[in-house]
Amino acid sequence: MRKIIALSLLGILFNLYSFAQSVSEKTAIKPIMEQEGKIYVVLFVCLVVLGGLISYLFILDKRISQMEKEKK
């Protein structure tokens, strides 16, 4: 019973939060980001960070595999 009440209250809070932001604020960000080309800078930085993490994981996997082979 407590879970149902907690989930209901949580749902109401999320619903109220979504109405707190006006439509003009959401649409005003998009033209500014596209106008000055900042969206492409953000996208590029995200891709570089993601690429770095993926390459780090591959290097780490190779090192671990090499250590496992040496141990056997």
PDB file of N, CA and C in Angstrom:
ATOM      1  N   MET A   1       0.822  -1.189   0.000  1.00  0.00           N
ATOM      2  CA  MET A   1       0.000   0.000   0.000  1.00  0.00           C
ATOM      3  C   MET A   1       0.868   1.257   0.000  1.00  0.00           C
ATOM      4  N   ARG A   2       1.957   1.198   0.767  1.00  0.00           N
ATOM      5  CA  ARG A   2       2.846   2.360   0.826  1.00  0.00           C
ATOM      6  C   ARG A   2       3.511   2.615  -0.524  1.00  0.00           C
ATOM      7  N   LYS A   3       3.825   1.522  -1.240  1.00  0.00           N
ATOM      8  CA  LYS A   3       4.453   1.675  -2.548  1.00  0.00           C
ATOM      9  C   LYS A   3       3.514   2.363  -3.527  1.00  0.00           C
ATOM     10  N   ILE A   4       2.244   2.011  -3.475  1.00  0.00           N
ATOM     11  CA  ILE A   4       1.263   2.617  -4.379  1.00  0.00           C
ATOM     12  C   ILE A   4       1.121   4.099  -4.087  1.00  0.00           C
ATOM     13  N   ILE A   5       1.073   4.451  -2.812  1.00  0.00           N
ATOM     14  CA  ILE A   5       0.949   5.864  -2.433  1.00  0.00           C
ATOM     15  C   ILE A   5       2.209   6.638  -2.835  1.00  0.00           C
ATOM     16  N   ALA A   6       3.366   6.033  -2.608  1.00  0.00           N
ATOM     17  CA  ALA A   6       4.624   6.704  -2.958  1.00  0.00           C
ATOM     18  C   ALA A   6       4.731   6.907  -4.463  1.00  0.00           C
ATOM     19  N   LEU A   7       4.374   5.893  -5.229  1.00  0.00           N
ATOM     20  CA  LEU A   7       4.427   6.020  -6.685  1.00  0.00           C
ATOM     21  C   LEU A   7       3.416   7.038  -7.200  1.00  0.00           C
ATOM     22  N   SER A   8       2.257   7.099  -6.571  1.00  0.00           N
ATOM     23  CA  SER A   8       1.253   8.084  -6.974  1.00  0.00           C
ATOM     24  C   SER A   8       1.745   9.503  -6.708  1.00  0.00           C
ATOM     25  N   LEU A   9       2.308   9.720  -5.538  1.00  0.00           N
ATOM     26  CA  LEU A   9       2.836  11.045  -5.216  1.00  0.00           C
ATOM     27  C   LEU A   9       3.994  11.420  -6.125  1.00  0.00           C
ATOM     28  N   LEU A  10       4.839  10.458  -6.416  1.00  0.00           N
ATOM     29  CA  LEU A  10       5.958  10.704  -7.327  1.00  0.00           C
ATOM     30  C   LEU A  10       5.456  11.055  -8.719  1.00  0.00           C
ATOM     31  N   GLY A  11       4.442  10.369  -9.185  1.00  0.00           N
ATOM     32  CA  GLY A  11       3.851  10.670 -10.488  1.00  0.00           C
ATOM     33  C   GLY A  11       3.247  12.056 -10.534  1.00  0.00           C
ATOM     34  N   ILE A  12       2.586  12.450  -9.466  1.00  0.00           N
ATOM     35  CA  ILE A  12       1.998  13.793  -9.408  1.00  0.00           C
ATOM     36  C   ILE A  12       3.086  14.854  -9.413  1.00  0.00           C
ATOM     37  N   LEU A  13       4.175  14.619  -8.674  1.00  0.00           N
ATOM     38  CA  LEU A  13       5.266  15.591  -8.642  1.00  0.00           C
ATOM     39  C   LEU A  13       5.915  15.747 -10.008  1.00  0.00           C
ATOM     40  N   PHE A  14       6.133  14.638 -10.715  1.00  0.00           N
ATOM     41  CA  PHE A  14       6.722  14.722 -12.057  1.00  0.00           C
ATOM     42  C   PHE A  14       5.774  15.429 -13.019  1.00  0.00           C
ATOM     43  N   ASN A  15       4.484  15.206 -12.851  1.00  0.00           N
ATOM     44  CA  ASN A  15       3.504  15.857 -13.705  1.00  0.00           C
ATOM     45  C   ASN A  15       3.505  17.370 -13.456  1.00  0.00           C
ATOM     46  N   LEU A  16       3.576  17.774 -12.214  1.00  0.00           N
ATOM     47  CA  LEU A  16       3.608  19.204 -11.896  1.00  0.00           C
ATOM     48  C   LEU A  16       4.897  19.845 -12.387  1.00  0.00           C
ATOM     49  N   TYR A  17       5.997  19.125 -12.311  1.00  0.00           N
ATOM     50  CA  TYR A  17       7.272  19.652 -12.784  1.00  0.00           C
ATOM     51  C   TYR A  17       7.233  19.902 -14.284  1.00  0.00           C
ATOM     52  N   SER A  18       6.557  19.041 -15.023  1.00  0.00           N
ATOM     53  CA  SER A  18       6.515  19.223 -16.478  1.00  0.00           C
ATOM     54  C   SER A  18       5.690  20.447 -16.856  1.00  0.00           C
ATOM     55  N   PHE A  19       4.713  20.818 -16.047  1.00  0.00           N
ATOM     56  CA  PHE A  19       3.925  22.012 -16.331  1.00  0.00           C
ATOM     57  C   PHE A  19       4.624  23.285 -15.876  1.00  0.00           C
ATOM     58  N   ALA A  20       5.666  23.166 -15.063  1.00  0.00           N
ATOM     59  CA  ALA A  20       6.338  24.343 -14.532  1.00  0.00           C
ATOM     60  C   ALA A  20       7.132  25.080 -15.596  1.00  0.00           C
ATOM     61  N   GLN A  21       7.545  24.391 -16.634  1.00  0.00           N
ATOM     62  CA  GLN A  21       8.335  25.026 -17.680  1.00  0.00           C
ATOM     63  C   GLN A  21       7.412  25.472 -18.797  1.00  0.00           C
ATOM     64  N   SER A  22       7.585  26.702 -19.193  1.00  0.00           N
ATOM     65  CA  SER A  22       6.735  27.212 -20.258  1.00  0.00           C
ATOM     66  C   SER A  22       7.265  26.781 -21.619  1.00  0.00           C
ATOM     67  N   VAL A  23       6.436  26.858 -22.609  1.00  0.00           N
ATOM     68  CA  VAL A  23       6.800  26.434 -23.954  1.00  0.00           C
ATOM     69  C   VAL A  23       7.829  27.376 -24.558  1.00  0.00           C
ATOM     70  N   SER A  24       7.757  28.660 -24.234  1.00  0.00           N
ATOM     71  CA  SER A  24       8.678  29.626 -24.821  1.00  0.00           C
ATOM     72  C   SER A  24      10.116  29.378 -24.390  1.00  0.00           C
ATOM     73  N   GLU A  25      10.320  28.887 -23.171  1.00  0.00           N
ATOM     74  CA  GLU A  25      11.674  28.596 -22.709  1.00  0.00           C
ATOM     75  C   GLU A  25      12.262  27.413 -23.460  1.00  0.00           C
ATOM     76  N   LYS A  26      11.453  26.406 -23.750  1.00  0.00           N
ATOM     77  CA  LYS A  26      11.942  25.224 -24.450  1.00  0.00           C
ATOM     78  C   LYS A  26      12.312  25.553 -25.892  1.00  0.00           C
ATOM     79  N   THR A  27      11.515  26.368 -26.543  1.00  0.00           N
ATOM     80  CA  THR A  27      11.771  26.664 -27.948  1.00  0.00           C
ATOM     81  C   THR A  27      12.806  27.752 -28.130  1.00  0.00           C
ATOM     82  N   ALA A  28      13.090  28.548 -27.098  1.00  0.00           N
ATOM     83  CA  ALA A  28      14.054  29.632 -27.231  1.00  0.00           C
ATOM     84  C   ALA A  28      15.485  29.108 -27.255  1.00  0.00           C
ATOM     85  N   ILE A  29      15.730  27.950 -26.700  1.00  0.00           N
ATOM     86  CA  ILE A  29      17.090  27.410 -26.645  1.00  0.00           C
ATOM     87  C   ILE A  29      17.523  26.901 -28.014  1.00  0.00           C
ATOM     88  N   LYS A  30      16.637  26.268 -28.738  1.00  0.00           N
ATOM     89  CA  LYS A  30      16.995  25.647 -30.007  1.00  0.00           C
ATOM     90  C   LYS A  30      17.539  26.647 -31.031  1.00  0.00           C
ATOM     91  N   PRO A  31      16.890  27.770 -31.291  1.00  0.00           N
ATOM     92  CA  PRO A  31      17.450  28.692 -32.288  1.00  0.00           C
ATOM     93  C   PRO A  31      18.796  29.279 -31.878  1.00  0.00           C
ATOM     94  N   ILE A  32      18.992  29.520 -30.595  1.00  0.00           N
ATOM     95  CA  ILE A  32      20.266  30.088 -30.136  1.00  0.00           C
ATOM     96  C   ILE A  32      21.387  29.086 -30.366  1.00  0.00           C
ATOM     97  N   MET A  33      21.147  27.813 -30.031  1.00  0.00           N
ATOM     98  CA  MET A  33      22.174  26.797 -30.214  1.00  0.00           C
ATOM     99  C   MET A  33      22.478  26.576 -31.696  1.00  0.00           C
ATOM    100  N   GLU A  34      21.462  26.597 -32.548  1.00  0.00           N
ATOM    101  CA  GLU A  34      21.687  26.378 -33.971  1.00  0.00           C
ATOM    102  C   GLU A  34      22.253  27.617 -34.645  1.00  0.00           C
ATOM    103  N   GLN A  35      21.867  28.793 -34.172  1.00  0.00           N
ATOM    104  CA  GLN A  35      22.286  30.041 -34.804  1.00  0.00           C
ATOM    105  C   GLN A  35      23.792  30.238 -34.703  1.00  0.00           C
ATOM    106  N   GLU A  36      24.342  29.992 -33.565  1.00  0.00           N
ATOM    107  CA  GLU A  36      25.761  30.241 -33.354  1.00  0.00           C
ATOM    108  C   GLU A  36      26.610  28.992 -33.572  1.00  0.00           C
ATOM    109  N   GLY A  37      26.018  27.877 -33.935  1.00  0.00           N
ATOM    110  CA  GLY A  37      26.763  26.656 -34.194  1.00  0.00           C
ATOM    111  C   GLY A  37      27.244  25.957 -32.939  1.00  0.00           C
ATOM    112  N   LYS A  38      26.710  26.308 -31.800  1.00  0.00           N
ATOM    113  CA  LYS A  38      27.158  25.696 -30.547  1.00  0.00           C
ATOM    114  C   LYS A  38      26.731  24.245 -30.444  1.00  0.00           C
ATOM    115  N   ILE A  39      25.627  23.890 -31.082  1.00  0.00           N
ATOM    116  CA  ILE A  39      25.150  22.519 -30.987  1.00  0.00           C
ATOM    117  C   ILE A  39      26.151  21.556 -31.601  1.00  0.00           C
ATOM    118  N   TYR A  40      26.841  21.997 -32.644  1.00  0.00           N
ATOM    119  CA  TYR A  40      27.829  21.142 -33.273  1.00  0.00           C
ATOM    120  C   TYR A  40      29.078  20.999 -32.406  1.00  0.00           C
ATOM    121  N   VAL A  41      29.410  22.021 -31.658  1.00  0.00           N
ATOM    122  CA  VAL A  41      30.546  21.943 -30.735  1.00  0.00           C
ATOM    123  C   VAL A  41      30.226  20.961 -29.608  1.00  0.00           C
ATOM    124  N   VAL A  42      29.019  21.039 -29.093  1.00  0.00           N
ATOM    125  CA  VAL A  42      28.601  20.128 -28.025  1.00  0.00           C
ATOM    126  C   VAL A  42      28.596  18.693 -28.540  1.00  0.00           C
ATOM    127  N   LEU A  43      28.070  18.489 -29.736  1.00  0.00           N
ATOM    128  CA  LEU A  43      28.041  17.158 -30.332  1.00  0.00           C
ATOM    129  C   LEU A  43      29.448  16.626 -30.544  1.00  0.00           C
ATOM    130  N   PHE A  44      30.359  17.466 -31.029  1.00  0.00           N
ATOM    131  CA  PHE A  44      31.733  17.056 -31.258  1.00  0.00           C
ATOM    132  C   PHE A  44      32.422  16.660 -29.955  1.00  0.00           C
ATOM    133  N   VAL A  45      32.230  17.445 -28.918  1.00  0.00           N
ATOM    134  CA  VAL A  45      32.849  17.142 -27.623  1.00  0.00           C
ATOM    135  C   VAL A  45      32.304  15.829 -27.067  1.00  0.00           C
ATOM    136  N   CYS A  46      31.005  15.621 -27.187  1.00  0.00           N
ATOM    137  CA  CYS A  46      30.415  14.360 -26.713  1.00  0.00           C
ATOM    138  C   CYS A  46      30.972  13.168 -27.478  1.00  0.00           C
ATOM    139  N   LEU A  47      31.127  13.309 -28.790  1.00  0.00           N
ATOM    140  CA  LEU A  47      31.670  12.222 -29.595  1.00  0.00           C
ATOM    141  C   LEU A  47      33.131  11.943 -29.256  1.00  0.00           C
ATOM    142  N   VAL A  48      33.909  12.992 -28.995  1.00  0.00           N
ATOM    143  CA  VAL A  48      35.316  12.802 -28.624  1.00  0.00           C
ATOM    144  C   VAL A  48      35.418  12.083 -27.278  1.00  0.00           C
ATOM    145  N   VAL A  49      34.607  12.475 -26.319  1.00  0.00           N
ATOM    146  CA  VAL A  49      34.629  11.821 -25.005  1.00  0.00           C
ATOM    147  C   VAL A  49      34.194  10.368 -25.124  1.00  0.00           C
ATOM    148  N   LEU A  50      33.144  10.108 -25.887  1.00  0.00           N
ATOM    149  CA  LEU A  50      32.681   8.743 -26.079  1.00  0.00           C
ATOM    150  C   LEU A  50      33.734   7.900 -26.789  1.00  0.00           C
ATOM    151  N   GLY A  51      34.366   8.465 -27.792  1.00  0.00           N
ATOM    152  CA  GLY A  51      35.435   7.748 -28.494  1.00  0.00           C
ATOM    153  C   GLY A  51      36.607   7.448 -27.580  1.00  0.00           C
ATOM    154  N   GLY A  52      36.956   8.391 -26.727  1.00  0.00           N
ATOM    155  CA  GLY A  52      38.034   8.168 -25.770  1.00  0.00           C
ATOM    156  C   GLY A  52      37.709   7.061 -24.782  1.00  0.00           C
ATOM    157  N   LEU A  53      36.488   7.037 -24.307  1.00  0.00           N
ATOM    158  CA  LEU A  53      36.090   5.982 -23.372  1.00  0.00           C
ATOM    159  C   LEU A  53      36.106   4.609 -24.036  1.00  0.00           C
ATOM    160  N   ILE A  54      35.619   4.539 -25.262  1.00  0.00           N
ATOM    161  CA  ILE A  54      35.600   3.263 -25.967  1.00  0.00           C
ATOM    162  C   ILE A  54      37.017   2.767 -26.237  1.00  0.00           C
ATOM    163  N   SER A  55      37.890   3.669 -26.679  1.00  0.00           N
ATOM    164  CA  SER A  55      39.273   3.249 -26.937  1.00  0.00           C
ATOM    165  C   SER A  55      39.970   2.834 -25.643  1.00  0.00           C
ATOM    166  N   TYR A  56      39.706   3.521 -24.542  1.00  0.00           N
ATOM    167  CA  TYR A  56      40.287   3.139 -23.258  1.00  0.00           C
ATOM    168  C   TYR A  56      39.837   1.742 -22.850  1.00  0.00           C
ATOM    169  N   LEU A  57      38.560   1.430 -23.080  1.00  0.00           N
ATOM    170  CA  LEU A  57      38.065   0.105 -22.732  1.00  0.00           C
ATOM    171  C   LEU A  57      38.711  -0.979 -23.586  1.00  0.00           C
ATOM    172  N   PHE A  58      38.942  -0.707 -24.869  1.00  0.00           N
ATOM    173  CA  PHE A  58      39.615  -1.687 -25.712  1.00  0.00           C
ATOM    174  C   PHE A  58      41.055  -1.916 -25.259  1.00  0.00           C
ATOM    175  N   ILE A  59      41.759  -0.843 -24.933  1.00  0.00           N
ATOM    176  CA  ILE A  59      43.144  -0.974 -24.458  1.00  0.00           C
ATOM    177  C   ILE A  59      43.181  -1.741 -23.140  1.00  0.00           C
ATOM    178  N   LEU A  60      42.259  -1.434 -22.256  1.00  0.00           N
ATOM    179  CA  LEU A  60      42.190  -2.123 -20.969  1.00  0.00           C
ATOM    180  C   LEU A  60      41.886  -3.605 -21.157  1.00  0.00           C
ATOM    181  N   ASP A  61      41.014  -3.927 -22.095  1.00  0.00           N
ATOM    182  CA  ASP A  61      40.698  -5.322 -22.370  1.00  0.00           C
ATOM    183  C   ASP A  61      41.915  -6.073 -22.899  1.00  0.00           C
ATOM    184  N   LYS A  62      42.692  -5.441 -23.758  1.00  0.00           N
ATOM    185  CA  LYS A  62      43.906  -6.084 -24.279  1.00  0.00           C
ATOM    186  C   LYS A  62      44.908  -6.342 -23.166  1.00  0.00           C
ATOM    187  N   ARG A  63      45.067  -5.377 -22.263  1.00  0.00           N
ATOM    188  CA  ARG A  63      46.015  -5.552 -21.156  1.00  0.00           C
ATOM    189  C   ARG A  63      45.584  -6.671 -20.228  1.00  0.00           C
ATOM    190  N   ILE A  64      44.292  -6.730 -19.939  1.00  0.00           N
ATOM    191  CA  ILE A  64      43.781  -7.775 -19.049  1.00  0.00           C
ATOM    192  C   ILE A  64      43.942  -9.147 -19.707  1.00  0.00           C
ATOM    193  N   SER A  65      43.650  -9.233 -21.001  1.00  0.00           N
ATOM    194  CA  SER A  65      43.818 -10.500 -21.715  1.00  0.00           C
ATOM    195  C   SER A  65      45.271 -10.938 -21.707  1.00  0.00           C
ATOM    196  N   GLN A  66      46.166  -9.992 -21.886  1.00  0.00           N
ATOM    197  CA  GLN A  66      47.599 -10.306 -21.883  1.00  0.00           C
ATOM    198  C   GLN A  66      48.032 -10.794 -20.500  1.00  0.00           C
ATOM    199  N   MET A  67      47.545 -10.165 -19.446  1.00  0.00           N
ATOM    200  CA  MET A  67      47.897 -10.589 -18.092  1.00  0.00           C
ATOM    201  C   MET A  67      47.337 -11.974 -17.775  1.00  0.00           C
ATOM    202  N   GLU A  68      46.143 -12.279 -18.293  1.00  0.00           N
ATOM    203  CA  GLU A  68      45.565 -13.596 -18.077  1.00  0.00           C
ATOM    204  C   GLU A  68      46.391 -14.673 -18.793  1.00  0.00           C
ATOM    205  N   LYS A  69      46.870 -14.381 -19.991  1.00  0.00           N
ATOM    206  CA  LYS A  69      47.697 -15.346 -20.721  1.00  0.00           C
ATOM    207  C   LYS A  69      49.025 -15.587 -20.004  1.00  0.00           C
ATOM    208  N   GLU A  70      49.628 -14.534 -19.443  1.00  0.00           N
ATOM    209  CA  GLU A  70      50.894 -14.676 -18.721  1.00  0.00           C
ATOM    210  C   GLU A  70      50.720 -15.487 -17.461  1.00  0.00           C
ATOM    211  N   LYS A  71      49.571 -15.372 -16.833  1.00  0.00           N
ATOM    212  CA  LYS A  71      49.320 -16.081 -15.580  1.00  0.00           C
ATOM    213  C   LYS A  71      49.176 -17.583 -15.812  1.00  0.00           C
ATOM    214  N   LYS A  72      48.625 -17.950 -16.960  1.00  0.00           N
ATOM    215  CA  LYS A  72      48.439 -19.381 -17.263  1.00  0.00           C
ATOM    216  C   LYS A  72      49.732 -19.937 -17.700  1.00  0.00           C
TER     217      LYS A  72
END
